[in-house]
Amino acid sequence: MQLIYELIKENPEFYAWAFGVINALWLGFVYFNKQSHERNLKQLEQDLRFRADRRLKIFDLKASEYGKYVTDLDSFGKKNQIEMPERMQPIFEQYLQNYLAATEAED
């Protein structure tokens, strides 16, 4: 500690300038580093916003596709509630007639 005091005491103007230059360089570094971090932060915010919007659009697309699927499934079910009995009734009647005929013939 005494050595440092002696060096500064011999030439205080030089060390004052050195200290000032070092502080100026340090302030410049802090300023530009802050600017860099702010740019990176803005880029990160944009990326996160873009990803969130993309996920939202994908979710909306999936939800609308699922809604369409359910609607198609309902219409298919309603269609089959009407058409299937009409198509299957003659087949059932023919089967029952054949079964009754086989029962009467003891086959």
PDB file of N, CA and C in Angstrom:
ATOM      1  N   MET A   1       0.825  -1.186   0.000  1.00  0.00           N
ATOM      2  CA  MET A   1       0.000   0.000   0.000  1.00  0.00           C
ATOM      3  C   MET A   1       0.875   1.258   0.000  1.00  0.00           C
ATOM      4  N   GLN A   2       1.948   1.159   0.760  1.00  0.00           N
ATOM      5  CA  GLN A   2       2.872   2.283   0.829  1.00  0.00           C
ATOM      6  C   GLN A   2       3.501   2.550  -0.533  1.00  0.00           C
ATOM      7  N   LEU A   3       3.792   1.484  -1.296  1.00  0.00           N
ATOM      8  CA  LEU A   3       4.387   1.619  -2.625  1.00  0.00           C
ATOM      9  C   LEU A   3       3.447   2.385  -3.560  1.00  0.00           C
ATOM     10  N   ILE A   4       2.175   2.052  -3.520  1.00  0.00           N
ATOM     11  CA  ILE A   4       1.195   2.743  -4.368  1.00  0.00           C
ATOM     12  C   ILE A   4       1.105   4.210  -3.987  1.00  0.00           C
ATOM     13  N   TYR A   5       1.087   4.475  -2.704  1.00  0.00           N
ATOM     14  CA  TYR A   5       1.044   5.864  -2.243  1.00  0.00           C
ATOM     15  C   TYR A   5       2.260   6.638  -2.729  1.00  0.00           C
ATOM     16  N   GLU A   6       3.417   6.036  -2.656  1.00  0.00           N
ATOM     17  CA  GLU A   6       4.652   6.706  -3.097  1.00  0.00           C
ATOM     18  C   GLU A   6       4.631   6.973  -4.604  1.00  0.00           C
ATOM     19  N   LEU A   7       4.155   6.007  -5.391  1.00  0.00           N
ATOM     20  CA  LEU A   7       4.085   6.198  -6.845  1.00  0.00           C
ATOM     21  C   LEU A   7       3.153   7.354  -7.203  1.00  0.00           C
ATOM     22  N   ILE A   8       1.996   7.394  -6.572  1.00  0.00           N
ATOM     23  CA  ILE A   8       1.034   8.468  -6.857  1.00  0.00           C
ATOM     24  C   ILE A   8       1.576   9.806  -6.368  1.00  0.00           C
ATOM     25  N   LYS A   9       2.263   9.812  -5.256  1.00  0.00           N
ATOM     26  CA  LYS A   9       2.816  11.045  -4.690  1.00  0.00           C
ATOM     27  C   LYS A   9       3.899  11.634  -5.599  1.00  0.00           C
ATOM     28  N   GLU A  10       4.673  10.777  -6.284  1.00  0.00           N
ATOM     29  CA  GLU A  10       5.720  11.260  -7.181  1.00  0.00           C
ATOM     30  C   GLU A  10       5.154  11.932  -8.429  1.00  0.00           C
ATOM     31  N   ASN A  11       4.077  11.383  -8.974  1.00  0.00           N
ATOM     32  CA  ASN A  11       3.528  11.928 -10.221  1.00  0.00           C
ATOM     33  C   ASN A  11       1.997  11.887 -10.174  1.00  0.00           C
ATOM     34  N   PRO A  12       1.362  12.783  -9.403  1.00  0.00           N
ATOM     35  CA  PRO A  12      -0.097  12.725  -9.242  1.00  0.00           C
ATOM     36  C   PRO A  12      -0.858  13.094 -10.522  1.00  0.00           C
ATOM     37  N   GLU A  13      -0.295  13.972 -11.344  1.00  0.00           N
ATOM     38  CA  GLU A  13      -1.002  14.374 -12.565  1.00  0.00           C
ATOM     39  C   GLU A  13      -1.153  13.192 -13.522  1.00  0.00           C
ATOM     40  N   PHE A  14      -0.100  12.396 -13.668  1.00  0.00           N
ATOM     41  CA  PHE A  14      -0.154  11.233 -14.549  1.00  0.00           C
ATOM     42  C   PHE A  14      -1.224  10.249 -14.093  1.00  0.00           C
ATOM     43  N   TYR A  15      -1.255   9.962 -12.805  1.00  0.00           N
ATOM     44  CA  TYR A  15      -2.232   9.003 -12.290  1.00  0.00           C
ATOM     45  C   TYR A  15      -3.650   9.570 -12.321  1.00  0.00           C
ATOM     46  N   ALA A  16      -3.793  10.873 -12.199  1.00  0.00           N
ATOM     47  CA  ALA A  16      -5.114  11.495 -12.330  1.00  0.00           C
ATOM     48  C   ALA A  16      -5.620  11.316 -13.759  1.00  0.00           C
ATOM     49  N   TRP A  17      -4.719  11.568 -14.740  1.00  0.00           N
ATOM     50  CA  TRP A  17      -5.093  11.365 -16.144  1.00  0.00           C
ATOM     51  C   TRP A  17      -5.386   9.888 -16.421  1.00  0.00           C
ATOM     52  N   ALA A  18      -4.532   9.010 -15.906  1.00  0.00           N
ATOM     53  CA  ALA A  18      -4.743   7.570 -16.114  1.00  0.00           C
ATOM     54  C   ALA A  18      -6.082   7.137 -15.513  1.00  0.00           C
ATOM     55  N   PHE A  19      -6.349   7.621 -14.305  1.00  0.00           N
ATOM     56  CA  PHE A  19      -7.612   7.296 -13.663  1.00  0.00           C
ATOM     57  C   PHE A  19      -8.790   7.835 -14.476  1.00  0.00           C
ATOM     58  N   GLY A  20      -8.676   9.047 -14.990  1.00  0.00           N
ATOM     59  CA  GLY A  20      -9.732   9.640 -15.812  1.00  0.00           C
ATOM     60  C   GLY A  20      -9.943   8.870 -17.102  1.00  0.00           C
ATOM     61  N   VAL A  21      -8.851   8.484 -17.766  1.00  0.00           N
ATOM     62  CA  VAL A  21      -8.964   7.721 -19.018  1.00  0.00           C
ATOM     63  C   VAL A  21      -9.599   6.361 -18.757  1.00  0.00           C
ATOM     64  N   ILE A  22      -9.159   5.706 -17.696  1.00  0.00           N
ATOM     65  CA  ILE A  22      -9.734   4.394 -17.364  1.00  0.00           C
ATOM     66  C   ILE A  22     -11.219   4.522 -17.063  1.00  0.00           C
ATOM     67  N   ASN A  23     -11.604   5.560 -16.320  1.00  0.00           N
ATOM     68  CA  ASN A  23     -13.029   5.770 -16.034  1.00  0.00           C
ATOM     69  C   ASN A  23     -13.811   6.085 -17.302  1.00  0.00           C
ATOM     70  N   ALA A  24     -13.233   6.875 -18.211  1.00  0.00           N
ATOM     71  CA  ALA A  24     -13.907   7.186 -19.472  1.00  0.00           C
ATOM     72  C   ALA A  24     -14.087   5.916 -20.307  1.00  0.00           C
ATOM     73  N   LEU A  25     -13.050   5.092 -20.370  1.00  0.00           N
ATOM     74  CA  LEU A  25     -13.170   3.823 -21.105  1.00  0.00           C
ATOM     75  C   LEU A  25     -14.213   2.909 -20.465  1.00  0.00           C
ATOM     76  N   TRP A  26     -14.207   2.898 -19.144  1.00  0.00           N
ATOM     77  CA  TRP A  26     -15.188   2.082 -18.438  1.00  0.00           C
ATOM     78  C   TRP A  26     -16.613   2.571 -18.725  1.00  0.00           C
ATOM     79  N   LEU A  27     -16.833   3.864 -18.698  1.00  0.00           N
ATOM     80  CA  LEU A  27     -18.155   4.415 -18.999  1.00  0.00           C
ATOM     81  C   LEU A  27     -18.565   4.102 -20.439  1.00  0.00           C
ATOM     82  N   GLY A  28     -17.607   4.201 -21.374  1.00  0.00           N
ATOM     83  CA  GLY A  28     -17.904   3.838 -22.768  1.00  0.00           C
ATOM     84  C   GLY A  28     -18.290   2.375 -22.896  1.00  0.00           C
ATOM     85  N   PHE A  29     -17.553   1.509 -22.213  1.00  0.00           N
ATOM     86  CA  PHE A  29     -17.876   0.087 -22.238  1.00  0.00           C
ATOM     87  C   PHE A  29     -19.265  -0.169 -21.671  1.00  0.00           C
ATOM     88  N   VAL A  30     -19.576   0.447 -20.544  1.00  0.00           N
ATOM     89  CA  VAL A  30     -20.891   0.254 -19.921  1.00  0.00           C
ATOM     90  C   VAL A  30     -22.002   0.739 -20.849  1.00  0.00           C
ATOM     91  N   TYR A  31     -21.795   1.905 -21.483  1.00  0.00           N
ATOM     92  CA  TYR A  31     -22.808   2.456 -22.386  1.00  0.00           C
ATOM     93  C   TYR A  31     -23.058   1.500 -23.567  1.00  0.00           C
ATOM     94  N   PHE A  32     -21.990   1.086 -24.252  1.00  0.00           N
ATOM     95  CA  PHE A  32     -22.162   0.223 -25.424  1.00  0.00           C
ATOM     96  C   PHE A  32     -22.658  -1.170 -25.046  1.00  0.00           C
ATOM     97  N   ASN A  33     -22.267  -1.644 -23.901  1.00  0.00           N
ATOM     98  CA  ASN A  33     -22.756  -2.936 -23.428  1.00  0.00           C
ATOM     99  C   ASN A  33     -24.254  -2.859 -23.148  1.00  0.00           C
ATOM    100  N   LYS A  34     -24.694  -1.727 -22.565  1.00  0.00           N
ATOM    101  CA  LYS A  34     -26.114  -1.540 -22.292  1.00  0.00           C
ATOM    102  C   LYS A  34     -26.902  -1.497 -23.601  1.00  0.00           C
ATOM    103  N   GLN A  35     -26.365  -0.795 -24.597  1.00  0.00           N
ATOM    104  CA  GLN A  35     -27.029  -0.725 -25.905  1.00  0.00           C
ATOM    105  C   GLN A  35     -27.151  -2.121 -26.520  1.00  0.00           C
ATOM    106  N   SER A  36     -26.102  -2.892 -26.415  1.00  0.00           N
ATOM    107  CA  SER A  36     -26.116  -4.257 -26.953  1.00  0.00           C
ATOM    108  C   SER A  36     -27.170  -5.103 -26.247  1.00  0.00           C
ATOM    109  N   HIS A  37     -27.233  -4.983 -24.941  1.00  0.00           N
ATOM    110  CA  HIS A  37     -28.233  -5.751 -24.187  1.00  0.00           C
ATOM    111  C   HIS A  37     -29.648  -5.311 -24.534  1.00  0.00           C
ATOM    112  N   GLU A  38     -29.856  -4.029 -24.730  1.00  0.00           N
ATOM    113  CA  GLU A  38     -31.187  -3.557 -25.106  1.00  0.00           C
ATOM    114  C   GLU A  38     -31.592  -4.087 -26.474  1.00  0.00           C
ATOM    115  N   ARG A  39     -30.645  -4.112 -27.425  1.00  0.00           N
ATOM    116  CA  ARG A  39     -30.947  -4.677 -28.746  1.00  0.00           C
ATOM    117  C   ARG A  39     -31.285  -6.165 -28.629  1.00  0.00           C
ATOM    118  N   ASN A  40     -30.501  -6.870 -27.844  1.00  0.00           N
ATOM    119  CA  ASN A  40     -30.764  -8.306 -27.651  1.00  0.00           C
ATOM    120  C   ASN A  40     -32.112  -8.532 -26.978  1.00  0.00           C
ATOM    121  N   LEU A  41     -32.452  -7.673 -26.024  1.00  0.00           N
ATOM    122  CA  LEU A  41     -33.734  -7.792 -25.336  1.00  0.00           C
ATOM    123  C   LEU A  41     -34.890  -7.549 -26.297  1.00  0.00           C
ATOM    124  N   LYS A  42     -34.777  -6.526 -27.150  1.00  0.00           N
ATOM    125  CA  LYS A  42     -35.829  -6.260 -28.133  1.00  0.00           C
ATOM    126  C   LYS A  42     -35.972  -7.430 -29.098  1.00  0.00           C
ATOM    127  N   GLN A  43     -34.851  -7.993 -29.536  1.00  0.00           N
ATOM    128  CA  GLN A  43     -34.890  -9.144 -30.440  1.00  0.00           C
ATOM    129  C   GLN A  43     -35.557 -10.339 -29.763  1.00  0.00           C
ATOM    130  N   LEU A  44     -35.230 -10.554 -28.507  1.00  0.00           N
ATOM    131  CA  LEU A  44     -35.838 -11.646 -27.752  1.00  0.00           C
ATOM    132  C   LEU A  44     -37.336 -11.437 -27.603  1.00  0.00           C
ATOM    133  N   GLU A  45     -37.752 -10.202 -27.308  1.00  0.00           N
ATOM    134  CA  GLU A  45     -39.184  -9.901 -27.190  1.00  0.00           C
ATOM    135  C   GLU A  45     -39.901 -10.163 -28.506  1.00  0.00           C
ATOM    136  N   GLN A  46     -39.296  -9.762 -29.621  1.00  0.00           N
ATOM    137  CA  GLN A  46     -39.911  -9.999 -30.926  1.00  0.00           C
ATOM    138  C   GLN A  46     -40.009 -11.495 -31.219  1.00  0.00           C
ATOM    139  N   ASP A  47     -38.954 -12.237 -30.902  1.00  0.00           N
ATOM    140  CA  ASP A  47     -38.980 -13.683 -31.126  1.00  0.00           C
ATOM    141  C   ASP A  47     -40.062 -14.353 -30.286  1.00  0.00           C
ATOM    142  N   LEU A  48     -40.150 -13.958 -29.021  1.00  0.00           N
ATOM    143  CA  LEU A  48     -41.176 -14.540 -28.147  1.00  0.00           C
ATOM    144  C   LEU A  48     -42.575 -14.177 -28.615  1.00  0.00           C
ATOM    145  N   ARG A  49     -42.755 -12.930 -29.039  1.00  0.00           N
ATOM    146  CA  ARG A  49     -44.064 -12.504 -29.546  1.00  0.00           C
ATOM    147  C   ARG A  49     -44.420 -13.287 -30.811  1.00  0.00           C
ATOM    148  N   PHE A  50     -43.434 -13.468 -31.705  1.00  0.00           N
ATOM    149  CA  PHE A  50     -43.659 -14.216 -32.933  1.00  0.00           C
ATOM    150  C   PHE A  50     -44.025 -15.668 -32.620  1.00  0.00           C
ATOM    151  N   ARG A  51     -43.295 -16.278 -31.681  1.00  0.00           N
ATOM    152  CA  ARG A  51     -43.598 -17.666 -31.323  1.00  0.00           C
ATOM    153  C   ARG A  51     -44.976 -17.793 -30.682  1.00  0.00           C
ATOM    154  N   ALA A  52     -45.334 -16.835 -29.825  1.00  0.00           N
ATOM    155  CA  ALA A  52     -46.649 -16.874 -29.186  1.00  0.00           C
ATOM    156  C   ALA A  52     -47.753 -16.707 -30.230  1.00  0.00           C
ATOM    157  N   ASP A  53     -47.578 -15.781 -31.165  1.00  0.00           N
ATOM    158  CA  ASP A  53     -48.570 -15.600 -32.229  1.00  0.00           C
ATOM    159  C   ASP A  53     -48.680 -16.848 -33.082  1.00  0.00           C
ATOM    160  N   ARG A  54     -47.537 -17.460 -33.377  1.00  0.00           N
ATOM    161  CA  ARG A  54     -47.535 -18.682 -34.196  1.00  0.00           C
ATOM    162  C   ARG A  54     -48.269 -19.805 -33.470  1.00  0.00           C
ATOM    163  N   ARG A  55     -47.994 -19.965 -32.186  1.00  0.00           N
ATOM    164  CA  ARG A  55     -48.685 -21.008 -31.415  1.00  0.00           C
ATOM    165  C   ARG A  55     -50.181 -20.733 -31.332  1.00  0.00           C
ATOM    166  N   LEU A  56     -50.551 -19.474 -31.186  1.00  0.00           N
ATOM    167  CA  LEU A  56     -51.965 -19.116 -31.128  1.00  0.00           C
ATOM    168  C   LEU A  56     -52.651 -19.449 -32.445  1.00  0.00           C
ATOM    169  N   LYS A  57     -52.007 -19.130 -33.563  1.00  0.00           N
ATOM    170  CA  LYS A  57     -52.596 -19.436 -34.865  1.00  0.00           C
ATOM    171  C   LYS A  57     -52.715 -20.938 -35.078  1.00  0.00           C
ATOM    172  N   ILE A  58     -51.689 -21.680 -34.664  1.00  0.00           N
ATOM    173  CA  ILE A  58     -51.750 -23.140 -34.786  1.00  0.00           C
ATOM    174  C   ILE A  58     -52.874 -23.695 -33.918  1.00  0.00           C
ATOM    175  N   PHE A  59     -53.012 -23.165 -32.699  1.00  0.00           N
ATOM    176  CA  PHE A  59     -54.091 -23.617 -31.816  1.00  0.00           C
ATOM    177  C   PHE A  59     -55.453 -23.301 -32.430  1.00  0.00           C
ATOM    178  N   ASP A  60     -55.612 -22.097 -32.981  1.00  0.00           N
ATOM    179  CA  ASP A  60     -56.876 -21.737 -33.617  1.00  0.00           C
ATOM    180  C   ASP A  60     -57.168 -22.652 -34.800  1.00  0.00           C
ATOM    181  N   LEU A  61     -56.146 -22.953 -35.581  1.00  0.00           N
ATOM    182  CA  LEU A  61     -56.320 -23.845 -36.722  1.00  0.00           C
ATOM    183  C   LEU A  61     -56.740 -25.235 -36.265  1.00  0.00           C
ATOM    184  N   LYS A  62     -56.077 -25.754 -35.233  1.00  0.00           N
ATOM    185  CA  LYS A  62     -56.437 -27.072 -34.715  1.00  0.00           C
ATOM    186  C   LYS A  62     -57.849 -27.069 -34.136  1.00  0.00           C
ATOM    187  N   ALA A  63     -58.194 -25.998 -33.433  1.00  0.00           N
ATOM    188  CA  ALA A  63     -59.532 -25.913 -32.844  1.00  0.00           C
ATOM    189  C   ALA A  63     -60.596 -25.865 -33.937  1.00  0.00           C
ATOM    190  N   SER A  64     -60.357 -25.095 -34.997  1.00  0.00           N
ATOM    191  CA  SER A  64     -61.342 -25.036 -36.079  1.00  0.00           C
ATOM    192  C   SER A  64     -61.425 -26.368 -36.823  1.00  0.00           C
ATOM    193  N   GLU A  65     -60.274 -27.040 -37.013  1.00  0.00           N
ATOM    194  CA  GLU A  65     -60.285 -28.362 -37.656  1.00  0.00           C
ATOM    195  C   GLU A  65     -61.039 -29.370 -36.794  1.00  0.00           C
ATOM    196  N   TYR A  66     -60.837 -29.319 -35.491  1.00  0.00           N
ATOM    197  CA  TYR A  66     -61.552 -30.226 -34.599  1.00  0.00           C
ATOM    198  C   TYR A  66     -63.052 -29.927 -34.615  1.00  0.00           C
ATOM    199  N   GLY A  67     -63.405 -28.649 -34.634  1.00  0.00           N
ATOM    200  CA  GLY A  67     -64.814 -28.281 -34.729  1.00  0.00           C
ATOM    201  C   GLY A  67     -65.438 -28.798 -36.017  1.00  0.00           C
ATOM    202  N   LYS A  68     -64.703 -28.690 -37.113  1.00  0.00           N
ATOM    203  CA  LYS A  68     -65.188 -29.204 -38.399  1.00  0.00           C
ATOM    204  C   LYS A  68     -65.345 -30.725 -38.332  1.00  0.00           C
ATOM    205  N   TYR A  69     -64.379 -31.387 -37.699  1.00  0.00           N
ATOM    206  CA  TYR A  69     -64.440 -32.839 -37.555  1.00  0.00           C
ATOM    207  C   TYR A  69     -65.679 -33.257 -36.760  1.00  0.00           C
ATOM    208  N   VAL A  70     -65.941 -32.571 -35.655  1.00  0.00           N
ATOM    209  CA  VAL A  70     -67.102 -32.906 -34.825  1.00  0.00           C
ATOM    210  C   VAL A  70     -68.397 -32.636 -35.591  1.00  0.00           C
ATOM    211  N   THR A  71     -68.439 -31.542 -36.331  1.00  0.00           N
ATOM    212  CA  THR A  71     -69.625 -31.234 -37.119  1.00  0.00           C
ATOM    213  C   THR A  71     -69.856 -32.304 -38.179  1.00  0.00           C
ATOM    214  N   ASP A  72     -68.790 -32.702 -38.866  1.00  0.00           N
ATOM    215  CA  ASP A  72     -68.916 -33.771 -39.865  1.00  0.00           C
ATOM    216  C   ASP A  72     -69.342 -35.089 -39.222  1.00  0.00           C
ATOM    217  N   LEU A  73     -68.810 -35.370 -38.044  1.00  0.00           N
ATOM    218  CA  LEU A  73     -69.178 -36.588 -37.337  1.00  0.00           C
ATOM    219  C   LEU A  73     -70.654 -36.558 -36.942  1.00  0.00           C
ATOM    220  N   ASP A  74     -71.136 -35.416 -36.478  1.00  0.00           N
ATOM    221  CA  ASP A  74     -72.558 -35.285 -36.135  1.00  0.00           C
ATOM    222  C   ASP A  74     -73.440 -35.456 -37.358  1.00  0.00           C
ATOM    223  N   SER A  75     -73.056 -34.822 -38.462  1.00  0.00           N
ATOM    224  CA  SER A  75     -73.870 -34.956 -39.673  1.00  0.00           C
ATOM    225  C   SER A  75     -73.854 -36.396 -40.178  1.00  0.00           C
ATOM    226  N   PHE A  76     -72.716 -37.074 -40.057  1.00  0.00           N
ATOM    227  CA  PHE A  76     -72.640 -38.477 -40.448  1.00  0.00           C
ATOM    228  C   PHE A  76     -73.554 -39.324 -39.577  1.00  0.00           C
ATOM    229  N   GLY A  77     -73.531 -39.065 -38.260  1.00  0.00           N
ATOM    230  CA  GLY A  77     -74.399 -39.807 -37.343  1.00  0.00           C
ATOM    231  C   GLY A  77     -75.868 -39.568 -37.631  1.00  0.00           C
ATOM    232  N   LYS A  78     -76.254 -38.330 -37.893  1.00  0.00           N
ATOM    233  CA  LYS A  78     -77.654 -38.019 -38.201  1.00  0.00           C
ATOM    234  C   LYS A  78     -78.076 -38.672 -39.507  1.00  0.00           C
ATOM    235  N   LYS A  79     -77.169 -38.657 -40.470  1.00  0.00           N
ATOM    236  CA  LYS A  79     -77.451 -39.259 -41.766  1.00  0.00           C
ATOM    237  C   LYS A  79     -77.654 -40.762 -41.600  1.00  0.00           C
ATOM    238  N   ASN A  80     -76.802 -41.394 -40.817  1.00  0.00           N
ATOM    239  CA  ASN A  80     -76.912 -42.834 -40.621  1.00  0.00           C
ATOM    240  C   ASN A  80     -78.093 -43.229 -39.754  1.00  0.00           C
ATOM    241  N   GLN A  81     -78.574 -42.332 -38.895  1.00  0.00           N
ATOM    242  CA  GLN A  81     -79.766 -42.643 -38.109  1.00  0.00           C
ATOM    243  C   GLN A  81     -80.980 -42.758 -39.014  1.00  0.00           C
ATOM    244  N   ILE A  82     -80.957 -42.057 -40.117  1.00  0.00           N
ATOM    245  CA  ILE A  82     -82.087 -42.098 -41.048  1.00  0.00           C
ATOM    246  C   ILE A  82     -81.861 -43.160 -42.129  1.00  0.00           C
ATOM    247  N   GLU A  83     -80.708 -43.153 -42.760  1.00  0.00           N
ATOM    248  CA  GLU A  83     -80.459 -44.029 -43.900  1.00  0.00           C
ATOM    249  C   GLU A  83     -80.166 -45.470 -43.514  1.00  0.00           C
ATOM    250  N   MET A  84     -79.448 -45.707 -42.425  1.00  0.00           N
ATOM    251  CA  MET A  84     -79.081 -47.076 -42.059  1.00  0.00           C
ATOM    252  C   MET A  84     -80.294 -47.953 -41.775  1.00  0.00           C
ATOM    253  N   PRO A  85     -81.258 -47.486 -40.991  1.00  0.00           N
ATOM    254  CA  PRO A  85     -82.433 -48.360 -40.794  1.00  0.00           C
ATOM    255  C   PRO A  85     -83.154 -48.649 -42.112  1.00  0.00           C
ATOM    256  N   GLU A  86     -83.222 -47.653 -43.003  1.00  0.00           N
ATOM    257  CA  GLU A  86     -83.886 -47.885 -44.288  1.00  0.00           C
ATOM    258  C   GLU A  86     -83.136 -48.928 -45.107  1.00  0.00           C
ATOM    259  N   ARG A  87     -81.813 -48.912 -45.060  1.00  0.00           N
ATOM    260  CA  ARG A  87     -81.014 -49.875 -45.817  1.00  0.00           C
ATOM    261  C   ARG A  87     -81.011 -51.259 -45.153  1.00  0.00           C
ATOM    262  N   MET A  88     -80.964 -51.268 -43.818  1.00  0.00           N
ATOM    263  CA  MET A  88     -80.833 -52.529 -43.109  1.00  0.00           C
ATOM    264  C   MET A  88     -82.167 -53.254 -42.899  1.00  0.00           C
ATOM    265  N   GLN A  89     -83.274 -52.535 -42.917  1.00  0.00           N
ATOM    266  CA  GLN A  89     -84.580 -53.150 -42.658  1.00  0.00           C
ATOM    267  C   GLN A  89     -84.890 -54.293 -43.623  1.00  0.00           C
ATOM    268  N   PRO A  90     -84.691 -54.117 -44.940  1.00  0.00           N
ATOM    269  CA  PRO A  90     -84.958 -55.255 -45.835  1.00  0.00           C
ATOM    270  C   PRO A  90     -84.049 -56.451 -45.556  1.00  0.00           C
ATOM    271  N   ILE A  91     -82.819 -56.210 -45.177  1.00  0.00           N
ATOM    272  CA  ILE A  91     -81.898 -57.312 -44.881  1.00  0.00           C
ATOM    273  C   ILE A  91     -82.368 -58.063 -43.644  1.00  0.00           C
ATOM    274  N   PHE A  92     -82.775 -57.318 -42.587  1.00  0.00           N
ATOM    275  CA  PHE A  92     -83.276 -57.956 -41.374  1.00  0.00           C
ATOM    276  C   PHE A  92     -84.554 -58.743 -41.653  1.00  0.00           C
ATOM    277  N   GLU A  93     -85.427 -58.148 -42.427  1.00  0.00           N
ATOM    278  CA  GLU A  93     -86.691 -58.841 -42.741  1.00  0.00           C
ATOM    279  C   GLU A  93     -86.425 -60.130 -43.517  1.00  0.00           C
ATOM    280  N   GLN A  94     -85.521 -60.062 -44.476  1.00  0.00           N
ATOM    281  CA  GLN A  94     -85.179 -61.276 -45.242  1.00  0.00           C
ATOM    282  C   GLN A  94     -84.566 -62.336 -44.325  1.00  0.00           C
ATOM    283  N   TYR A  95     -83.682 -61.925 -43.403  1.00  0.00           N
ATOM    284  CA  TYR A  95     -83.071 -62.863 -42.473  1.00  0.00           C
ATOM    285  C   TYR A  95     -84.113 -63.497 -41.576  1.00  0.00           C
ATOM    286  N   LEU A  96     -85.025 -62.694 -41.038  1.00  0.00           N
ATOM    287  CA  LEU A  96     -86.061 -63.226 -40.151  1.00  0.00           C
ATOM    288  C   LEU A  96     -87.003 -64.163 -40.901  1.00  0.00           C
ATOM    289  N   GLN A  97     -87.332 -63.824 -42.148  1.00  0.00           N
ATOM    290  CA  GLN A  97     -88.196 -64.702 -42.942  1.00  0.00           C
ATOM    291  C   GLN A  97     -87.496 -66.038 -43.197  1.00  0.00           C
ATOM    292  N   ASN A  98     -86.203 -65.976 -43.545  1.00  0.00           N
ATOM    293  CA  ASN A  98     -85.452 -67.216 -43.758  1.00  0.00           C
ATOM    294  C   ASN A  98     -85.346 -68.025 -42.466  1.00  0.00           C
ATOM    295  N   TYR A  99     -85.167 -67.324 -41.329  1.00  0.00           N
ATOM    296  CA  TYR A  99     -85.076 -68.003 -40.045  1.00  0.00           C
ATOM    297  C   TYR A  99     -86.396 -68.670 -39.687  1.00  0.00           C
ATOM    298  N   LEU A 100     -87.505 -67.939 -39.887  1.00  0.00           N
ATOM    299  CA  LEU A 100     -88.825 -68.516 -39.592  1.00  0.00           C
ATOM    300  C   LEU A 100     -89.121 -69.700 -40.509  1.00  0.00           C
ATOM    301  N   ALA A 101     -88.747 -69.560 -41.772  1.00  0.00           N
ATOM    302  CA  ALA A 101     -88.965 -70.681 -42.708  1.00  0.00           C
ATOM    303  C   ALA A 101     -88.124 -71.871 -42.294  1.00  0.00           C
ATOM    304  N   ALA A 102     -86.899 -71.642 -41.862  1.00  0.00           N
ATOM    305  CA  ALA A 102     -86.062 -72.760 -41.417  1.00  0.00           C
ATOM    306  C   ALA A 102     -86.584 -73.369 -40.142  1.00  0.00           C
ATOM    307  N   THR A 103     -87.157 -72.553 -39.242  1.00  0.00           N
ATOM    308  CA  THR A 103     -87.717 -73.056 -37.991  1.00  0.00           C
ATOM    309  C   THR A 103     -88.947 -73.902 -38.270  1.00  0.00           C
ATOM    310  N   GLU A 104     -89.813 -73.471 -39.188  1.00  0.00           N
ATOM    311  CA  GLU A 104     -91.018 -74.232 -39.535  1.00  0.00           C
ATOM    312  C   GLU A 104     -90.646 -75.540 -40.219  1.00  0.00           C
ATOM    313  N   ALA A 105     -89.563 -75.491 -40.990  1.00  0.00           N
ATOM    314  CA  ALA A 105     -89.138 -76.729 -41.670  1.00  0.00           C
ATOM    315  C   ALA A 105     -88.262 -77.567 -40.744  1.00  0.00           C
ATOM    316  N   GLU A 106     -88.057 -77.104 -39.537  1.00  0.00           N
ATOM    317  CA  GLU A 106     -87.215 -77.772 -38.535  1.00  0.00           C
ATOM    318  C   GLU A 106     -85.831 -78.050 -39.084  1.00  0.00           C
ATOM    319  N   ASP A 107     -85.284 -77.041 -39.734  1.00  0.00           N
ATOM    320  CA  ASP A 107     -83.944 -77.147 -40.330  1.00  0.00           C
ATOM    321  C   ASP A 107     -82.919 -76.583 -39.363  1.00  0.00           C
TER     322      ASP A 107
END
